[in-house]
N, C-alpha and C. Protein backbone atom coordinates (compact mmCIF):
# COMPACT_ATOMS: atom_id res chain seq x y z
N MET A 1 60.02 125.66 91.54
CA MET A 1 61.10 125.26 92.07
C MET A 1 61.97 124.11 90.92
N ILE A 2 63.08 124.40 90.93
CA ILE A 2 63.66 122.75 90.38
C ILE A 2 64.40 121.99 91.71
N THR A 3 64.70 121.08 91.86
CA THR A 3 65.34 120.31 93.10
C THR A 3 66.22 119.41 92.02
N ALA A 4 67.08 118.58 92.76
CA ALA A 4 67.84 117.60 92.37
C ALA A 4 68.42 116.60 93.19
N GLU A 5 68.53 115.38 92.66
CA GLU A 5 69.20 114.21 94.19
C GLU A 5 69.65 113.47 92.60
N GLY A 6 70.92 112.76 93.22
CA GLY A 6 71.57 111.56 92.65
C GLY A 6 70.70 110.18 92.21
N GLN A 7 70.38 109.92 92.83
CA GLN A 7 68.99 108.98 92.92
C GLN A 7 67.92 109.53 93.82
N ILE A 8 66.72 109.03 93.19
CA ILE A 8 65.53 109.37 93.93
C ILE A 8 64.86 107.97 93.70
N ASP A 9 64.77 107.72 95.06
CA ASP A 9 64.00 106.40 95.45
C ASP A 9 63.14 106.43 96.83
N GLU A 10 62.38 105.70 97.32
CA GLU A 10 61.73 105.47 98.63
C GLU A 10 62.52 105.96 99.96
N GLN A 11 63.64 106.14 99.90
CA GLN A 11 64.48 107.13 100.83
C GLN A 11 64.22 108.46 100.93
N THR A 12 63.85 108.85 99.63
CA THR A 12 63.78 110.56 99.47
C THR A 12 62.72 111.31 100.22
N ALA A 13 61.79 110.10 100.87
CA ALA A 13 60.78 110.69 101.42
C ALA A 13 61.33 111.08 102.92
N TYR A 14 62.42 110.17 103.27
CA TYR A 14 63.02 109.96 104.58
C TYR A 14 64.03 111.37 104.95
N GLY A 15 63.85 112.90 104.56
CA GLY A 15 64.83 113.79 104.99
C GLY A 15 65.51 114.07 103.96
N LYS A 16 65.70 113.74 102.76
CA LYS A 16 66.68 113.85 101.44
C LYS A 16 66.01 115.41 101.09
N SER A 17 66.94 116.12 100.19
CA SER A 17 66.34 117.84 100.38
C SER A 17 65.16 117.58 98.98
N VAL A 18 65.05 116.72 98.15
CA VAL A 18 64.11 116.85 97.31
C VAL A 18 62.94 117.00 98.17
N GLY A 19 62.33 116.00 99.08
CA GLY A 19 61.43 116.00 99.66
C GLY A 19 61.06 117.55 100.91
N SER A 20 62.16 117.90 101.12
CA SER A 20 62.16 119.04 101.88
C SER A 20 61.85 120.36 101.13
N VAL A 21 62.81 120.20 99.87
CA VAL A 21 62.14 121.41 98.53
C VAL A 21 60.69 121.51 98.53
N ALA A 22 60.09 120.29 98.24
CA ALA A 22 58.95 120.24 97.89
C ALA A 22 58.26 120.85 99.19
N GLU A 23 58.19 120.61 100.20
CA GLU A 23 57.53 120.54 101.54
C GLU A 23 57.10 121.97 101.14
N ILE A 24 58.46 122.68 101.33
CA ILE A 24 58.42 124.31 101.45
C ILE A 24 57.76 124.85 99.97
N ALA A 25 57.82 124.27 98.93
CA ALA A 25 57.42 124.70 97.64
C ALA A 25 55.93 124.54 97.89
N LYS A 26 55.37 123.50 98.12
CA LYS A 26 54.07 123.50 98.40
C LYS A 26 53.32 124.81 99.17
N ARG A 27 54.10 125.34 100.39
CA ARG A 27 53.77 126.16 101.19
C ARG A 27 53.29 127.42 100.27
N TYR A 28 54.28 127.69 99.29
CA TYR A 28 53.70 128.59 98.50
C TYR A 28 52.97 128.35 97.04
N GLY A 29 52.27 127.45 97.22
CA GLY A 29 52.02 127.11 95.96
C GLY A 29 52.41 126.87 94.73
N LEU A 30 53.74 126.48 94.74
CA LEU A 30 54.79 126.10 93.83
C LEU A 30 55.25 125.12 93.40
N PRO A 31 55.01 125.17 91.69
CA PRO A 31 55.37 123.67 91.16
C PRO A 31 56.87 123.09 91.17
N VAL A 32 56.86 121.90 91.74
CA VAL A 32 58.39 121.10 91.76
C VAL A 32 58.39 120.26 91.08
N LEU A 33 59.73 120.49 90.04
CA LEU A 33 60.11 119.38 89.54
C LEU A 33 61.44 118.71 89.67
N ALA A 34 61.69 117.80 89.88
CA ALA A 34 63.02 116.60 90.41
C ALA A 34 63.71 116.14 89.04
N LEU A 35 65.09 116.82 89.38
CA LEU A 35 66.09 116.08 88.52
C LEU A 35 66.49 115.06 88.93
N ALA A 36 66.69 113.85 88.43
CA ALA A 36 67.36 113.00 89.04
C ALA A 36 68.81 112.15 88.25
N GLY A 37 69.81 111.56 88.97
CA GLY A 37 70.67 110.67 88.06
C GLY A 37 70.08 109.36 87.88
N SER A 38 69.19 108.86 88.59
CA SER A 38 68.70 107.51 88.40
C SER A 38 67.40 107.42 88.94
N LEU A 39 66.57 107.02 89.06
CA LEU A 39 65.25 106.46 89.95
C LEU A 39 65.20 104.96 90.42
N GLY A 40 65.60 105.02 91.69
CA GLY A 40 65.51 103.74 92.41
C GLY A 40 64.03 103.30 92.80
N ASP A 41 63.72 102.12 93.55
CA ASP A 41 62.98 101.69 93.92
C ASP A 41 61.88 102.84 94.43
N ASN A 42 60.29 102.54 94.15
CA ASN A 42 59.44 103.39 95.01
C ASN A 42 59.86 105.15 94.64
N TYR A 43 60.21 105.07 93.31
CA TYR A 43 60.98 106.69 93.15
C TYR A 43 59.83 107.31 93.46
N ARG A 44 57.93 106.79 92.77
CA ARG A 44 56.75 107.75 93.11
C ARG A 44 56.47 108.68 94.41
N ILE A 45 57.30 108.01 94.96
CA ILE A 45 56.41 108.61 96.65
C ILE A 45 56.87 109.79 96.59
N VAL A 46 57.79 110.32 95.66
CA VAL A 46 57.95 111.64 95.73
C VAL A 46 56.96 112.34 95.46
N TYR A 47 56.01 111.85 94.51
CA TYR A 47 54.57 112.40 94.04
C TYR A 47 54.18 112.77 94.97
N GLU A 48 53.75 112.24 96.05
CA GLU A 48 53.04 112.13 97.52
C GLU A 48 53.77 113.42 98.52
N LEU A 49 55.07 113.67 97.95
CA LEU A 49 55.74 114.99 98.91
C LEU A 49 55.77 116.18 98.39
N GLY A 50 55.04 116.19 97.22
CA GLY A 50 54.17 117.47 96.66
C GLY A 50 55.41 117.52 95.21
N VAL A 51 56.21 116.87 94.63
CA VAL A 51 56.91 117.06 93.37
C VAL A 51 55.89 116.46 92.40
N ASP A 52 55.91 117.67 91.53
CA ASP A 52 54.72 117.13 90.33
C ASP A 52 55.31 116.90 88.93
N ALA A 53 56.60 116.48 88.96
CA ALA A 53 57.05 116.22 87.61
C ALA A 53 58.52 115.24 88.41
N VAL A 54 59.26 114.57 87.39
CA VAL A 54 60.43 113.85 87.83
C VAL A 54 61.26 113.76 86.39
N ALA A 55 62.36 114.12 85.91
CA ALA A 55 63.16 113.86 85.29
C ALA A 55 64.52 113.33 85.22
N VAL A 56 64.54 112.65 84.27
CA VAL A 56 66.22 111.29 84.63
C VAL A 56 67.25 112.27 83.58
N LEU A 57 68.27 112.42 84.78
CA LEU A 57 69.26 113.18 83.42
C LEU A 57 69.91 111.99 82.45
N PRO A 58 70.55 110.99 82.61
CA PRO A 58 70.62 109.95 81.52
C PRO A 58 69.80 110.29 80.06
N SER A 59 70.39 110.72 79.01
CA SER A 59 69.57 110.59 77.86
C SER A 59 69.51 109.38 77.19
N GLY A 60 70.03 108.31 77.82
CA GLY A 60 70.22 107.02 77.08
C GLY A 60 71.07 105.96 77.96
N PRO A 61 71.40 105.21 77.25
CA PRO A 61 72.52 104.14 78.26
C PRO A 61 73.60 104.74 78.08
N MET A 62 74.35 104.60 79.20
CA MET A 62 75.91 104.73 79.32
C MET A 62 76.39 104.58 80.95
N SER A 63 77.50 104.67 80.61
CA SER A 63 78.31 103.62 82.12
C SER A 63 78.29 104.76 83.37
N LEU A 64 78.46 104.56 84.30
CA LEU A 64 78.32 105.25 85.58
C LEU A 64 79.70 106.39 85.38
N ALA A 65 80.74 105.68 85.05
CA ALA A 65 81.72 106.79 84.91
C ALA A 65 81.77 107.54 83.73
N TYR A 66 81.11 107.33 82.83
CA TYR A 66 80.76 108.38 81.72
C TYR A 66 79.62 109.57 82.44
N ALA A 67 78.69 109.23 82.91
CA ALA A 67 77.53 109.94 83.65
C ALA A 67 78.46 111.10 84.64
N MET A 68 79.53 110.22 85.70
CA MET A 68 80.26 110.99 86.21
C MET A 68 80.96 112.36 85.78
N LYS A 69 81.44 111.68 84.79
CA LYS A 69 82.58 112.82 84.36
C LYS A 69 81.92 113.75 83.39
N ASN A 70 80.67 113.29 82.93
CA ASN A 70 79.77 114.30 81.99
C ASN A 70 78.40 115.00 82.88
N ALA A 71 78.83 115.09 84.22
CA ALA A 71 77.19 115.08 84.86
C ALA A 71 76.87 117.02 84.95
N ALA A 72 77.84 117.67 84.89
CA ALA A 72 77.18 118.81 84.35
C ALA A 72 76.42 119.32 83.06
N GLN A 73 76.95 118.52 82.08
CA GLN A 73 76.32 118.63 80.99
C GLN A 73 75.00 117.88 80.82
N LEU A 74 75.24 117.17 81.41
CA LEU A 74 74.00 116.16 81.69
C LEU A 74 72.53 116.69 82.39
N ILE A 75 73.13 117.64 83.41
CA ILE A 75 72.09 118.34 84.25
C ILE A 75 71.81 119.25 83.44
N SER A 76 72.27 120.31 83.02
CA SER A 76 72.12 121.46 82.21
C SER A 76 71.27 120.64 80.52
N ASP A 77 71.50 119.70 80.12
CA ASP A 77 70.33 118.91 78.90
C ASP A 77 69.21 118.62 80.13
N ALA A 78 69.26 117.87 80.71
CA ALA A 78 67.89 117.45 81.31
C ALA A 78 67.19 118.55 82.02
N ALA A 79 67.53 119.57 82.24
CA ALA A 79 66.48 120.78 82.70
C ALA A 79 66.06 121.68 81.46
N GLU A 80 67.20 121.51 80.62
CA GLU A 80 66.78 122.09 79.49
C GLU A 80 65.10 121.74 78.56
N ARG A 81 65.70 120.27 78.70
CA ARG A 81 64.51 119.48 78.16
C ARG A 81 62.84 119.37 79.01
N ALA A 82 63.63 119.48 80.36
CA ALA A 82 62.28 119.83 81.44
C ALA A 82 62.07 121.22 81.27
N CYS A 83 62.59 122.08 81.17
CA CYS A 83 61.91 123.45 80.67
C CYS A 83 61.15 123.55 79.34
N ARG A 84 61.96 123.09 78.40
CA ARG A 84 60.78 123.04 77.41
C ARG A 84 59.32 122.06 77.50
N LEU A 85 59.76 120.94 78.00
CA LEU A 85 58.00 120.74 78.57
C LEU A 85 57.58 121.51 78.93
N ILE A 86 57.69 122.45 80.11
CA ILE A 86 57.14 123.29 80.33
C ILE A 86 56.37 124.20 79.70
N GLN A 87 57.46 124.76 78.74
CA GLN A 87 56.91 126.19 77.89
C GLN A 87 55.85 125.26 77.18
N VAL A 88 55.79 123.98 76.51
CA VAL A 88 54.99 123.29 75.94
C VAL A 88 53.57 123.39 76.83
N GLY A 89 53.61 123.09 78.11
CA GLY A 89 52.17 122.72 78.82
C GLY A 89 51.75 124.40 78.89
N ALA A 90 52.31 125.55 78.95
CA ALA A 90 52.19 127.00 79.14
C ALA A 90 51.23 127.31 77.73
N LYS A 91 52.00 126.60 76.35
CA LYS A 91 51.37 126.75 75.10
C LYS A 91 49.79 126.13 75.30
N ILE A 92 49.73 125.09 75.39
CA ILE A 92 48.78 124.48 75.77
C ILE A 92 47.74 124.84 76.49
N LYS A 93 48.03 125.31 77.70
CA LYS A 93 46.91 126.02 78.78
C LYS A 93 46.42 127.13 78.09
N ASP A 94 47.04 128.14 77.24
CA ASP A 94 46.58 129.02 76.30
C ASP A 94 45.72 128.98 75.28
N MET A 95 45.74 127.82 74.91
CA MET A 95 45.19 127.35 73.66
C MET A 95 43.48 127.63 74.04
């Protein structure tokens, strides 16, 4: 499963969509990747919720205005990078 949120932080454990998606996915034994615009304090709590990996959208320093204007492309790019990492993991597993 791939889910996303503007910022993943300690509040993610309290009813935000990433935590809910992870909970459902784990019932079915599915891995969970969370995409985020940014990472806040205690973002690692999502691992306890069942998220397996987190990838952030910005590929480098950028202004909030730029990130918001280019959100669709940033999400697409981050998802592609994450999927390529998944492919690498699958190839390593098959070795």
